[in-house]
Amino acid sequence: MGRIERFEDLIAWQRAQELTRAIYDATRQGAFAKISKALTPTLRNSLLPSVKD
């Protein structure tokens, strides 16, 4: 493992970014987007702390 100089170098942060993108993509399209207008903002907002911290 290389030297960590920035938080973006952390594997956990990189995976959180990938998960965030996947959730946004899944909630933006298809049946989920139609069914769950109320749940989508809650789900997306729950991802923010994992990426920010």
C-alpha atoms as a PDB file:
ATOM      1  CA  MET A   1       0.000   0.000   0.000  1.00  0.00           C
ATOM      2  CA  GLY A   2       1.301   3.411  -0.923  1.00  0.00           C
ATOM      3  CA  ARG A   3       1.551   6.414   1.276  1.00  0.00           C
ATOM      4  CA  ILE A   4      -1.703   8.163   2.099  1.00  0.00           C
ATOM      5  CA  GLU A   5      -1.358  11.881   1.564  1.00  0.00           C
ATOM      6  CA  ARG A   6      -5.002  12.867   1.059  1.00  0.00           C
ATOM      7  CA  PHE A   7      -8.295  11.431   2.215  1.00  0.00           C
ATOM      8  CA  GLU A   8      -9.066  10.583  -1.418  1.00  0.00           C
ATOM      9  CA  ASP A   9      -6.234   8.042  -1.226  1.00  0.00           C
ATOM     10  CA  LEU A  10      -8.143   5.961   1.328  1.00  0.00           C
ATOM     11  CA  ILE A  11      -9.713   2.823  -0.130  1.00  0.00           C
ATOM     12  CA  ALA A  12     -12.736   3.255   2.152  1.00  0.00           C
ATOM     13  CA  TRP A  13     -13.366   6.756   0.780  1.00  0.00           C
ATOM     14  CA  GLN A  14     -13.049   5.522  -2.799  1.00  0.00           C
ATOM     15  CA  ARG A  15     -15.550   2.711  -2.151  1.00  0.00           C
ATOM     16  CA  ALA A  16     -17.957   5.168  -0.521  1.00  0.00           C
ATOM     17  CA  GLN A  17     -17.787   7.288  -3.685  1.00  0.00           C
ATOM     18  CA  GLU A  18     -18.560   4.241  -5.838  1.00  0.00           C
ATOM     19  CA  LEU A  19     -21.467   3.263  -3.593  1.00  0.00           C
ATOM     20  CA  THR A  20     -22.844   6.799  -3.701  1.00  0.00           C
ATOM     21  CA  ARG A  21     -22.751   6.843  -7.502  1.00  0.00           C
ATOM     22  CA  ALA A  22     -24.419   3.439  -7.679  1.00  0.00           C
ATOM     23  CA  ILE A  23     -27.223   4.502  -5.314  1.00  0.00           C
ATOM     24  CA  TYR A  24     -27.803   7.747  -7.207  1.00  0.00           C
ATOM     25  CA  ASP A  25     -27.961   5.847 -10.501  1.00  0.00           C
ATOM     26  CA  ALA A  26     -30.338   3.235  -9.105  1.00  0.00           C
ATOM     27  CA  THR A  27     -32.688   5.818  -7.602  1.00  0.00           C
ATOM     28  CA  ARG A  28     -32.660   8.054 -10.664  1.00  0.00           C
ATOM     29  CA  GLN A  29     -34.109   5.533 -13.077  1.00  0.00           C
ATOM     30  CA  GLY A  30     -36.449   2.608 -13.409  1.00  0.00           C
ATOM     31  CA  ALA A  31     -39.159   1.368 -11.104  1.00  0.00           C
ATOM     32  CA  PHE A  32     -37.500   2.620  -7.943  1.00  0.00           C
ATOM     33  CA  ALA A  33     -37.629   6.215  -9.158  1.00  0.00           C
ATOM     34  CA  LYS A  34     -41.348   5.906  -9.874  1.00  0.00           C
ATOM     35  CA  ILE A  35     -42.329   4.075  -6.697  1.00  0.00           C
ATOM     36  CA  SER A  36     -40.287   5.809  -4.084  1.00  0.00           C
ATOM     37  CA  LYS A  37     -40.279   9.586  -4.472  1.00  0.00           C
ATOM     38  CA  ALA A  38     -40.375   9.975  -0.667  1.00  0.00           C
ATOM     39  CA  LEU A  39     -37.658   7.431   0.115  1.00  0.00           C
ATOM     40  CA  THR A  40     -35.130   8.597  -2.483  1.00  0.00           C
ATOM     41  CA  PRO A  41     -34.071  11.836  -0.705  1.00  0.00           C
ATOM     42  CA  THR A  42     -33.728   9.955   2.589  1.00  0.00           C
ATOM     43  CA  LEU A  43     -31.590   7.260   1.004  1.00  0.00           C
ATOM     44  CA  ARG A  44     -29.393   9.781  -0.781  1.00  0.00           C
ATOM     45  CA  ASN A  45     -28.981  11.929   2.336  1.00  0.00           C
ATOM     46  CA  SER A  46     -27.882   8.904   4.338  1.00  0.00           C
ATOM     47  CA  LEU A  47     -24.922   8.536   1.983  1.00  0.00           C
ATOM     48  CA  LEU A  48     -23.547  12.021   2.577  1.00  0.00           C
ATOM     49  CA  PRO A  49     -21.997  11.366   6.006  1.00  0.00           C
ATOM     50  CA  SER A  50     -20.080   8.341   4.698  1.00  0.00           C
ATOM     51  CA  VAL A  51     -18.473  10.403   1.951  1.00  0.00           C
ATOM     52  CA  LYS A  52     -17.874  13.554   3.983  1.00  0.00           C
ATOM     53  CA  ASP A  53     -16.285  11.789   6.969  1.00  0.00           C
END
